[in-house]
Amino acid sequence: MVKAAVIGAGLGGLSAAIMLRSAGFEVTVIEKNFHAGGKLMPVSLGDYHFDFGPNTITMPHVFSSVFEKAGVVMEDVLEFIKLPHHTKNFSPDGTELVFSHDSDYMKKQLKEQDPFGAENYDKFLKEIERLYRLSEAHFFPKMFKGPLDYLSPRLGAAFSQVRPLETMDHFFRRYFKSPNVLQALNRYATYIGSSPYVSPATFAMIAYLELVQGVYYVKGGNVKIAEALQRAASDMGVSFLMGSEVVSIQVKEKRAESLTLDSGEVIKADEFIMNADLLKAFPELVQEDDRPHFSDQKRDRYEPSISAFVILAGMNNISKKLHHHNVFFSSNYQREFHDLFKNGVYSTQPTIYISSSSYTDRQQSVNGDNLFILVNAPPLKKDGRLQVNPEEYKELIYDRLEAAGLPIREHLSVEKVITPQEIAAKFGAYRGALYGISANRKLDAFLRPGNFSRDIKNLSFAGGSTHPGGGSPMVTISGMNVAKALIKRHQ
């Protein structure tokens, strides 16, 4: 029986483990934390329950296909709730635009706020669907094992059709004129940890997922996805070593032979899958001499994605102002991204995202709103230094929300601040980056590190820092892609 060791129980590691086990592999998953799901982590503060990780869930069919491999009907173990009107966007001038998968509802709002956008909305939806379908057919399932894979004529033809040289901001301006509408759409760049003024228009396909396919929430919290996948994997016979950290991988003659845990235990395997932040884990676990194509110097050339400054706030009231997802925009969005990426500093006028899952699922917070408050943050300095005083920046965020008509302090029952330093330590995230590598550079956007080590024949990679990129569905797909390749290798 082929033995596989999976480093990390994130969604990529879980999907790979299930796929491999369904093909008869003996699979062991090693996870340094005591929860599965990586950043999809549950946090409880008294009676207030939060999802730390992705609060916005799309593409449920991706998760369903993994459960199917485990012999589980997803709908039997998880309740996906489709949010009809999912994101309330608050502009600096007080204008409110609510995103929805209902195109008539969207056009009704646009007629008042952006008549040009209302006229072009159907064309816009058609184009972002085209971008999505091309990506779904040619990029999501593609495996990149070496440089020659990028030279495929078929891939090149598809690449030329997805607007790789146009920025997201420029693309959206083809269809909309209102600064408020453009600002709301440009936020989709943050889903890949990047700037809309630099990242390729290709990623406008994210808008298709939310504005056509729809946004979902899992009853009981989105963390239930990871918990259910871990149960399904365990029931299949996958072994989990939770609370165990891999400290090194032993390589001999260009093959990984074993890995060593912090306990001193040594685990041997035929295949090794690294479902961890590639920029941090690969250099830490493998000696530089064994990875000449991924030297420390090469790692340092990559631009990390944005990080996050997070406040978990349990409130003693239920706000009538908020939806499930909410965004309070800054007055100068372009300056905000310039501060984050060019200057590497925190914005003094940040855009603030708030998720209140209790809006949809009151059991998550019976005494009032459970506010997950997130502000985009620059990655940590290379020395690991945080660029702000956490208490001072928290108060600045509260001041901004109060000015926008959302008083936090007077209704606050409990709170917890999570900084990029904690994200780096808890999740092994390089410089605290949420999405691994940013998509601000054209080559990094499309030519992300491949799924297989060029130097170590039986080491592969899954997760947000490799292909096809960040986001819950994408990292799940990356694990499935790697598993399919390994199954084929051992047939």
Protein backbone atom coordinates (compact mmCIF):
# COMPACT_ATOMS: atom_id res chain seq x y z
CA MET A 1 0.00 0.00 0.00
CA VAL A 2 1.31 3.45 -0.95
CA LYS A 3 1.88 5.66 2.09
CA ALA A 4 1.22 9.40 1.94
CA ALA A 5 2.04 11.98 4.60
CA VAL A 6 0.12 15.25 4.44
CA ILE A 7 1.59 18.23 6.28
CA GLY A 8 -1.30 20.45 7.34
CA ALA A 9 -5.03 19.81 7.77
CA GLY A 10 -6.23 22.84 5.85
CA LEU A 11 -8.90 22.39 3.19
CA GLY A 12 -6.22 21.46 0.65
CA GLY A 13 -4.75 18.82 2.92
CA LEU A 14 -8.18 17.41 3.82
CA SER A 15 -9.30 17.15 0.20
CA ALA A 16 -6.00 15.50 -0.82
CA ALA A 17 -6.24 13.04 2.07
CA ILE A 18 -9.79 12.00 1.18
CA MET A 19 -8.98 11.61 -2.51
CA LEU A 20 -5.89 9.53 -1.80
CA ARG A 21 -7.62 7.35 0.77
CA SER A 22 -10.48 6.69 -1.67
CA ALA A 23 -7.85 5.28 -4.06
CA GLY A 24 -6.42 2.94 -1.43
CA PHE A 25 -3.50 5.00 -0.11
CA GLU A 26 -2.51 4.82 3.56
CA VAL A 27 -2.74 8.46 4.63
CA THR A 28 -1.46 10.30 7.70
CA VAL A 29 -2.24 13.99 8.22
CA ILE A 30 -0.04 16.00 10.58
CA GLU A 31 -1.45 19.28 11.91
CA LYS A 32 0.27 21.56 14.42
CA ASN A 33 -3.03 23.04 15.66
CA PHE A 34 -5.83 21.16 17.37
CA HIS A 35 -8.43 22.08 14.75
CA ALA A 36 -8.69 21.14 11.08
CA GLY A 37 -9.28 23.77 8.42
CA GLY A 38 -6.27 26.05 8.83
CA LYS A 39 -7.48 29.65 8.87
CA LEU A 40 -11.03 28.28 8.84
CA MET A 41 -10.83 28.30 12.62
CA PRO A 42 -13.59 28.48 15.24
CA VAL A 43 -13.23 31.08 17.99
CA SER A 44 -15.56 31.39 20.98
CA LEU A 45 -15.67 34.27 23.44
CA GLY A 46 -18.23 33.20 26.01
CA ASP A 47 -21.56 32.83 24.22
CA TYR A 48 -20.27 34.55 21.07
CA HIS A 49 -19.04 32.28 18.28
CA PHE A 50 -16.97 33.40 15.29
CA ASP A 51 -15.43 31.98 12.12
CA PHE A 52 -11.92 33.36 11.95
CA GLY A 53 -11.32 32.12 8.45
CA PRO A 54 -13.29 32.71 5.25
CA ASN A 55 -16.63 34.23 6.14
CA THR A 56 -17.76 34.29 2.51
CA ILE A 57 -18.30 30.85 0.98
CA THR A 58 -18.83 30.25 -2.75
CA MET A 59 -18.74 27.22 -5.07
CA PRO A 60 -20.31 24.63 -2.71
CA HIS A 61 -20.13 22.09 -5.53
CA VAL A 62 -16.36 21.91 -4.98
CA PHE A 63 -16.80 20.74 -1.39
CA SER A 64 -19.59 18.40 -2.45
CA SER A 65 -17.27 16.60 -4.87
CA VAL A 66 -14.80 15.90 -2.02
CA PHE A 67 -17.53 14.52 0.24
CA GLU A 68 -18.66 12.34 -2.63
CA LYS A 69 -15.22 10.71 -2.72
CA ALA A 70 -15.66 9.92 0.96
CA GLY A 71 -19.04 8.32 0.29
CA VAL A 72 -20.86 11.14 2.04
CA VAL A 73 -23.75 13.23 0.72
CA MET A 74 -22.78 16.76 1.74
CA GLU A 75 -26.37 17.86 2.28
CA ASP A 76 -26.73 15.11 4.91
CA VAL A 77 -24.00 16.64 7.09
CA LEU A 78 -24.00 20.35 6.24
CA GLU A 79 -26.70 22.93 5.62
CA PHE A 80 -25.57 25.51 3.06
CA ILE A 81 -27.73 28.64 3.26
CA LYS A 82 -27.75 30.85 0.17
CA LEU A 83 -27.82 34.52 1.14
CA PRO A 84 -30.21 36.39 -1.20
CA HIS A 85 -28.75 39.85 -0.50
CA HIS A 86 -25.33 39.17 0.92
CA THR A 87 -23.08 42.26 1.18
CA LYS A 88 -24.05 45.76 2.21
CA ASN A 89 -21.56 48.34 0.91
CA PHE A 90 -21.42 51.67 2.74
CA SER A 91 -19.81 54.50 0.75
CA PRO A 92 -18.17 57.50 2.45
CA ASP A 93 -21.03 59.75 1.29
CA GLY A 94 -23.60 57.52 3.02
CA THR A 95 -24.80 55.71 -0.10
CA GLU A 96 -25.66 52.04 0.43
CA LEU A 97 -25.39 49.37 -2.27
CA VAL A 98 -26.42 45.82 -1.43
CA PHE A 99 -24.83 43.08 -3.55
CA SER A 100 -27.10 40.23 -4.60
CA HIS A 101 -27.22 37.35 -7.05
CA ASP A 102 -30.63 38.70 -8.10
CA SER A 103 -29.81 40.71 -11.23
CA ASP A 104 -33.16 42.55 -11.22
CA TYR A 105 -32.52 43.67 -7.65
CA MET A 106 -29.05 44.85 -8.65
CA LYS A 107 -30.28 46.77 -11.70
CA LYS A 108 -32.98 48.46 -9.64
CA GLN A 109 -30.30 49.86 -7.33
CA LEU A 110 -28.01 50.75 -10.22
CA LYS A 111 -30.72 52.74 -11.98
CA GLU A 112 -30.62 55.15 -9.05
CA GLN A 113 -26.87 55.12 -8.40
CA ASP A 114 -25.30 54.35 -11.77
CA PRO A 115 -27.66 54.47 -14.79
CA PHE A 116 -24.75 53.64 -17.12
CA GLY A 117 -24.04 50.56 -14.99
CA ALA A 118 -27.70 49.53 -15.04
CA GLU A 119 -27.69 49.61 -18.85
CA ASN A 120 -24.50 47.56 -19.04
CA TYR A 121 -25.14 45.14 -16.18
CA ASP A 122 -26.23 42.23 -18.36
CA LYS A 123 -23.16 42.69 -20.58
CA PHE A 124 -21.01 42.80 -17.46
CA LEU A 125 -22.46 39.54 -16.14
CA LYS A 126 -21.92 37.87 -19.52
CA GLU A 127 -18.26 38.91 -19.60
CA ILE A 128 -17.42 37.85 -16.05
CA GLU A 129 -19.08 34.51 -16.74
CA ARG A 130 -16.86 34.13 -19.80
CA LEU A 131 -13.79 34.82 -17.66
CA TYR A 132 -14.95 32.30 -15.09
CA ARG A 133 -15.71 29.56 -17.64
CA LEU A 134 -12.28 29.94 -19.24
CA SER A 135 -10.61 29.73 -15.84
CA GLU A 136 -12.73 26.76 -14.82
CA ALA A 137 -11.83 24.90 -18.00
CA HIS A 138 -8.16 25.80 -18.41
CA PHE A 139 -6.66 27.04 -15.13
CA PHE A 140 -8.40 25.47 -12.12
CA PRO A 141 -7.77 21.82 -13.10
CA LYS A 142 -4.35 22.42 -14.65
CA MET A 143 -1.34 20.87 -12.95
CA PHE A 144 1.99 22.67 -13.14
CA LYS A 145 4.94 20.34 -12.67
CA GLY A 146 7.60 22.36 -14.46
CA PRO A 147 8.24 25.42 -16.69
CA LEU A 148 7.23 23.60 -19.88
CA ASP A 149 3.68 23.19 -18.59
CA TYR A 150 3.24 26.95 -18.94
CA LEU A 151 4.10 26.79 -22.65
CA SER A 152 1.10 24.69 -23.68
CA PRO A 153 -0.47 26.21 -26.84
CA ARG A 154 -3.95 25.49 -25.49
CA LEU A 155 -3.15 27.22 -22.22
CA GLY A 156 -1.59 30.12 -24.07
CA ALA A 157 -4.72 30.58 -26.16
CA ALA A 158 -6.89 30.61 -23.04
CA PHE A 159 -4.49 32.96 -21.26
CA SER A 160 -4.77 35.52 -24.06
CA GLN A 161 -8.56 35.58 -23.66
CA VAL A 162 -8.78 36.39 -19.95
CA ARG A 163 -7.59 40.01 -20.06
CA PRO A 164 -4.20 39.38 -18.41
CA LEU A 165 -2.77 42.81 -19.24
CA GLU A 166 -5.77 44.86 -18.07
CA THR A 167 -6.25 45.79 -14.42
CA MET A 168 -9.40 44.96 -12.52
CA ASP A 169 -10.15 48.64 -11.97
CA HIS A 170 -9.85 49.39 -15.69
CA PHE A 171 -12.09 46.44 -16.51
CA PHE A 172 -14.86 47.51 -14.13
CA ARG A 173 -14.75 51.04 -15.59
CA ARG A 174 -15.87 49.60 -18.93
CA TYR A 175 -19.27 48.88 -17.40
CA PHE A 176 -19.76 51.31 -14.49
CA LYS A 177 -19.21 55.00 -13.81
CA SER A 178 -20.27 55.60 -10.20
CA PRO A 179 -17.21 55.90 -7.93
CA ASN A 180 -19.16 54.14 -5.19
CA VAL A 181 -20.06 51.18 -7.39
CA LEU A 182 -16.52 50.93 -8.73
CA GLN A 183 -15.13 50.98 -5.21
CA ALA A 184 -17.44 48.15 -4.13
CA LEU A 185 -16.44 46.01 -7.13
CA ASN A 186 -12.73 46.76 -6.78
CA ARG A 187 -12.80 45.16 -3.33
CA TYR A 188 -12.83 41.75 -5.05
CA ALA A 189 -9.07 42.15 -5.52
CA THR A 190 -8.66 41.77 -1.76
CA TYR A 191 -10.02 38.21 -2.08
CA ILE A 192 -6.65 37.33 -3.59
CA GLY A 193 -4.74 39.65 -1.27
CA SER A 194 -3.99 42.22 -3.97
CA SER A 195 -4.75 45.68 -5.32
CA PRO A 196 -7.44 46.26 -7.99
CA TYR A 197 -5.26 48.96 -9.53
CA VAL A 198 -2.53 46.43 -10.34
CA SER A 199 -3.92 42.86 -10.33
CA PRO A 200 -5.18 41.43 -13.65
CA ALA A 201 -8.78 41.80 -14.81
CA THR A 202 -8.89 38.00 -15.01
CA PHE A 203 -9.80 37.96 -11.34
CA ALA A 204 -12.97 39.92 -12.02
CA MET A 205 -14.37 36.40 -12.36
CA ILE A 206 -14.69 36.48 -8.55
CA ALA A 207 -17.59 38.85 -9.08
CA TYR A 208 -19.31 36.13 -11.11
CA LEU A 209 -19.17 33.76 -8.15
CA GLU A 210 -20.89 36.23 -5.84
CA LEU A 211 -23.18 38.12 -8.23
CA VAL A 212 -24.38 35.12 -10.24
CA GLN A 213 -23.70 31.84 -8.44
CA GLY A 214 -24.27 33.38 -5.03
CA VAL A 215 -22.79 33.59 -1.54
CA TYR A 216 -23.38 30.90 1.06
CA TYR A 217 -23.13 30.40 4.79
CA VAL A 218 -23.04 27.05 6.58
CA LYS A 219 -25.40 26.78 9.52
CA GLY A 220 -23.43 26.52 12.73
CA GLY A 221 -20.51 28.38 11.18
CA ASN A 222 -18.43 27.90 8.05
CA VAL A 223 -15.90 26.01 10.19
CA LYS A 224 -18.36 23.10 10.01
CA ILE A 225 -17.02 22.42 6.49
CA ALA A 226 -13.57 21.52 7.81
CA GLU A 227 -14.98 19.63 10.78
CA ALA A 228 -17.21 17.52 8.52
CA LEU A 229 -14.36 16.81 6.10
CA GLN A 230 -12.12 15.68 8.95
CA ARG A 231 -14.86 13.34 10.25
CA ALA A 232 -15.39 11.93 6.77
CA ALA A 233 -11.65 11.37 6.33
CA SER A 234 -11.34 9.70 9.74
CA ASP A 235 -14.26 7.41 8.95
CA MET A 236 -12.41 6.34 5.80
CA GLY A 237 -9.33 5.42 7.80
CA VAL A 238 -7.19 8.55 7.43
CA SER A 239 -4.97 9.00 10.50
CA PHE A 240 -4.71 12.45 12.08
CA LEU A 241 -1.90 13.63 14.33
CA MET A 242 -3.32 16.86 15.76
CA GLY A 243 -1.17 19.17 17.86
CA SER A 244 1.95 17.77 16.18
CA GLU A 245 4.36 19.97 14.28
CA VAL A 246 6.68 18.88 11.49
CA VAL A 247 10.15 20.29 12.11
CA SER A 248 12.09 18.84 9.18
CA ILE A 249 11.90 16.72 6.05
CA GLN A 250 14.78 14.36 5.33
CA VAL A 251 15.85 14.22 1.67
CA LYS A 252 18.18 11.71 0.05
CA GLU A 253 19.04 11.51 -3.65
CA LYS A 254 16.27 13.93 -4.59
CA ARG A 255 13.56 12.04 -2.73
CA ALA A 256 11.93 12.80 0.61
CA GLU A 257 12.43 9.79 2.85
CA SER A 258 10.80 10.88 6.09
CA LEU A 259 9.68 13.78 8.22
CA THR A 260 10.43 14.47 11.86
CA LEU A 261 7.89 15.79 14.38
CA ASP A 262 8.54 18.12 17.29
CA SER A 263 8.11 15.07 19.53
CA GLY A 264 11.06 13.40 17.83
CA GLU A 265 8.87 10.84 16.05
CA VAL A 266 9.93 10.03 12.50
CA ILE A 267 7.32 9.22 9.84
CA LYS A 268 8.28 7.56 6.59
CA ALA A 269 6.15 7.73 3.45
CA ASP A 270 6.23 7.26 -0.30
CA GLU A 271 4.59 10.62 -1.06
CA PHE A 272 4.70 13.87 0.89
CA ILE A 273 2.15 16.68 0.43
CA MET A 274 2.86 20.07 1.96
CA ASN A 275 -0.43 21.83 2.71
CA ALA A 276 1.27 24.75 4.40
CA ASP A 277 2.43 28.21 3.41
CA LEU A 278 5.02 27.40 0.76
CA LEU A 279 7.04 30.56 1.35
CA LYS A 280 7.54 29.69 5.01
CA ALA A 281 7.25 25.91 5.34
CA PHE A 282 9.41 24.80 2.40
CA PRO A 283 12.51 26.81 3.43
CA GLU A 284 12.06 25.89 7.10
CA LEU A 285 11.53 22.15 6.62
CA VAL A 286 13.94 21.39 3.75
CA GLN A 287 17.62 22.30 3.70
CA GLU A 288 18.49 24.86 1.03
CA ASP A 289 20.94 22.49 -0.71
CA ASP A 290 18.04 20.11 -1.39
CA ARG A 291 15.88 22.77 -3.08
CA PRO A 292 18.12 24.73 -5.51
CA HIS A 293 15.12 25.80 -7.61
CA PHE A 294 13.48 27.37 -4.54
CA SER A 295 16.34 29.05 -2.72
CA ASP A 296 15.84 31.47 0.16
CA GLN A 297 16.80 34.25 -2.24
CA LYS A 298 14.04 33.23 -4.65
CA ARG A 299 11.53 33.11 -1.81
CA ASP A 300 12.45 36.64 -0.82
CA ARG A 301 11.68 37.89 -4.34
CA TYR A 302 7.98 37.05 -3.99
CA GLU A 303 5.65 39.81 -2.81
CA PRO A 304 3.48 38.60 0.09
CA SER A 305 -0.24 39.24 -0.05
CA ILE A 306 -1.97 41.53 2.40
CA SER A 307 -2.50 40.43 5.96
CA ALA A 308 -5.32 41.38 8.33
CA PHE A 309 -5.95 43.25 11.54
CA VAL A 310 -8.95 41.57 13.14
CA ILE A 311 -11.26 42.44 16.02
CA LEU A 312 -13.78 39.90 17.31
CA ALA A 313 -16.49 41.93 19.04
CA GLY A 314 -19.39 40.44 20.97
CA MET A 315 -22.18 43.01 21.26
CA ASN A 316 -25.09 43.30 23.68
CA ASN A 317 -27.40 44.60 20.96
CA ILE A 318 -28.64 43.64 17.49
CA SER A 319 -27.89 46.34 14.94
CA LYS A 320 -30.57 47.16 12.37
CA LYS A 321 -27.89 48.73 10.19
CA LEU A 322 -25.95 45.57 9.36
CA HIS A 323 -26.41 42.66 6.96
CA HIS A 324 -24.51 39.36 7.12
CA HIS A 325 -21.58 40.91 5.22
CA ASN A 326 -20.80 44.63 5.40
CA VAL A 327 -18.11 46.92 4.03
CA PHE A 328 -17.47 50.50 5.20
CA PHE A 329 -15.28 52.05 2.52
CA SER A 330 -12.52 54.61 2.92
CA SER A 331 -12.69 57.98 1.21
CA ASN A 332 -9.60 57.25 -0.91
CA TYR A 333 -9.43 53.56 -1.87
CA GLN A 334 -6.47 53.99 -4.23
CA ARG A 335 -4.44 55.72 -1.51
CA GLU A 336 -5.29 52.88 0.88
CA PHE A 337 -3.77 50.28 -1.45
CA HIS A 338 -0.77 52.51 -2.11
CA ASP A 339 -0.17 52.66 1.64
CA LEU A 340 -0.52 48.89 2.01
CA PHE A 341 1.65 47.75 -0.89
CA LYS A 342 3.97 50.61 -1.82
CA ASN A 343 4.63 52.11 1.59
CA GLY A 344 4.02 48.99 3.67
CA VAL A 345 2.06 50.91 6.29
CA TYR A 346 -1.41 50.75 7.80
CA SER A 347 -4.03 53.07 6.38
CA THR A 348 -5.24 55.85 8.64
CA GLN A 349 -8.55 55.77 6.74
CA PRO A 350 -9.04 52.01 6.30
CA THR A 351 -11.88 50.20 4.60
CA ILE A 352 -13.55 48.06 7.25
CA TYR A 353 -15.22 44.69 6.61
CA ILE A 354 -17.68 43.29 9.13
CA SER A 355 -19.25 39.85 9.15
CA SER A 356 -22.21 39.32 11.45
CA SER A 357 -23.10 35.66 11.00
CA SER A 358 -25.73 35.99 13.74
CA TYR A 359 -27.73 38.01 11.18
CA THR A 360 -28.39 34.65 9.47
CA ASP A 361 -27.77 32.22 12.33
CA ARG A 362 -28.89 33.65 15.67
CA GLN A 363 -27.55 30.61 17.56
CA GLN A 364 -24.05 31.87 16.88
CA SER A 365 -24.66 34.77 19.22
CA VAL A 366 -27.88 34.71 21.26
CA ASN A 367 -27.19 37.86 23.29
CA GLY A 368 -26.37 40.23 20.43
CA ASP A 369 -24.31 40.60 17.27
CA ASN A 370 -21.05 38.68 16.80
CA LEU A 371 -18.97 41.09 14.77
CA PHE A 372 -15.90 39.84 12.91
CA ILE A 373 -14.20 43.13 12.04
CA LEU A 374 -11.35 43.01 9.52
CA VAL A 375 -9.08 45.70 8.14
CA ASN A 376 -6.53 45.00 5.41
CA ALA A 377 -3.01 45.17 6.79
CA PRO A 378 0.43 45.15 5.18
CA PRO A 379 2.49 41.99 5.66
CA LEU A 380 4.88 42.08 8.59
CA LYS A 381 8.30 43.57 8.13
CA LYS A 382 10.96 40.97 7.32
CA ASP A 383 12.09 41.09 10.94
CA GLY A 384 8.55 40.18 12.04
CA ARG A 385 7.83 43.64 13.40
CA LEU A 386 4.25 44.94 13.58
CA GLN A 387 3.90 48.45 12.17
CA VAL A 388 1.21 49.73 14.55
CA ASN A 389 0.24 49.74 18.20
CA PRO A 390 -2.69 47.26 18.30
CA GLU A 391 -4.66 49.11 20.98
CA GLU A 392 -4.31 52.45 19.23
CA TYR A 393 -5.30 51.01 15.85
CA LYS A 394 -8.31 49.25 17.38
CA GLU A 395 -9.52 52.58 18.75
CA LEU A 396 -9.02 54.20 15.34
CA ILE A 397 -11.26 51.51 13.80
CA TYR A 398 -13.92 52.06 16.47
CA ASP A 399 -13.75 55.81 15.80
CA ARG A 400 -14.26 55.22 12.06
CA LEU A 401 -17.25 52.95 12.66
CA GLU A 402 -18.80 55.38 15.12
CA ALA A 403 -18.49 58.16 12.55
CA ALA A 404 -20.29 55.85 10.09
CA GLY A 405 -23.19 55.40 12.51
CA LEU A 406 -22.14 52.13 14.13
CA PRO A 407 -21.23 52.67 17.80
CA ILE A 408 -19.18 49.73 19.02
CA ARG A 409 -17.85 50.81 22.41
CA GLU A 410 -21.21 51.46 24.10
CA HIS A 411 -22.55 48.00 23.20
CA LEU A 412 -19.37 45.96 23.57
CA SER A 413 -19.54 42.93 25.85
CA VAL A 414 -16.35 41.13 24.89
CA GLU A 415 -13.55 41.59 22.37
CA LYS A 416 -10.36 40.02 21.07
CA VAL A 417 -7.76 41.55 18.75
CA ILE A 418 -5.81 39.33 16.33
CA THR A 419 -2.81 40.88 14.59
CA PRO A 420 -0.66 39.74 11.64
CA GLN A 421 1.91 38.53 14.17
CA GLU A 422 -0.60 36.07 15.61
CA ILE A 423 -1.67 35.02 12.10
CA ALA A 424 1.96 34.30 11.26
CA ALA A 425 2.50 32.26 14.43
CA LYS A 426 -0.81 30.39 14.48
CA PHE A 427 -0.97 29.42 10.82
CA GLY A 428 2.66 29.42 9.76
CA ALA A 429 1.91 32.28 7.38
CA TYR A 430 4.95 33.94 5.82
CA ARG A 431 5.06 37.51 7.20
CA GLY A 432 1.43 37.06 8.24
CA ALA A 433 0.18 37.07 4.64
CA LEU A 434 -3.35 35.67 4.31
CA TYR A 435 -3.09 34.47 0.71
CA GLY A 436 0.57 33.57 0.31
CA ILE A 437 1.73 35.45 -2.78
CA SER A 438 -0.02 38.59 -4.02
CA ALA A 439 -1.30 38.91 -7.58
CA ASN A 440 0.05 42.42 -8.06
CA ARG A 441 2.84 41.23 -10.35
CA LYS A 442 1.63 39.68 -13.57
CA LEU A 443 4.01 36.71 -13.32
CA ASP A 444 3.02 35.99 -9.72
CA ALA A 445 -0.66 36.23 -10.62
CA PHE A 446 -0.48 33.53 -13.27
CA LEU A 447 2.82 31.73 -12.74
CA ARG A 448 2.42 30.81 -9.10
CA PRO A 449 4.75 28.14 -7.70
CA GLY A 450 3.83 24.80 -9.21
CA ASN A 451 2.24 21.92 -7.33
CA PHE A 452 5.34 19.73 -7.45
CA SER A 453 8.86 20.35 -6.24
CA ARG A 454 11.34 20.56 -9.11
CA ASP A 455 14.07 19.17 -6.88
CA ILE A 456 12.35 16.54 -4.74
CA LYS A 457 10.53 13.93 -6.80
CA ASN A 458 7.91 12.88 -4.24
CA LEU A 459 7.11 16.26 -2.64
CA SER A 460 4.03 18.15 -3.79
CA PHE A 461 2.26 21.31 -2.67
CA ALA A 462 -1.36 22.24 -1.99
CA GLY A 463 -2.83 25.43 -0.58
CA GLY A 464 -3.20 29.13 -1.25
CA SER A 465 0.45 29.86 -2.04
CA THR A 466 0.50 27.47 -4.99
CA HIS A 467 -1.74 26.89 -7.99
CA PRO A 468 -4.63 27.69 -8.46
CA GLY A 469 -4.48 30.24 -5.64
CA GLY A 470 -6.21 31.43 -2.48
CA GLY A 471 -9.78 31.10 -1.28
CA SER A 472 -11.60 28.10 0.20
CA PRO A 473 -12.71 26.53 -3.11
CA MET A 474 -9.33 27.10 -4.78
CA VAL A 475 -7.26 25.52 -2.02
CA THR A 476 -9.68 22.59 -1.97
CA ILE A 477 -9.20 22.20 -5.72
CA SER A 478 -5.43 22.32 -5.29
CA GLY A 479 -5.57 19.34 -2.93
CA MET A 480 -7.79 17.42 -5.31
CA ASN A 481 -5.52 18.18 -8.26
CA VAL A 482 -2.41 16.97 -6.46
CA ALA A 483 -4.15 13.80 -5.26
CA LYS A 484 -5.35 12.95 -8.76
CA ALA A 485 -1.81 13.29 -10.09
CA LEU A 486 -0.39 11.07 -7.36
CA ILE A 487 -3.06 8.43 -7.89
CA LYS A 488 -2.22 8.39 -11.58
CA ARG A 489 1.49 8.13 -10.73
CA HIS A 490 0.94 4.95 -8.71
CA GLN A 491 -1.61 3.21 -10.91
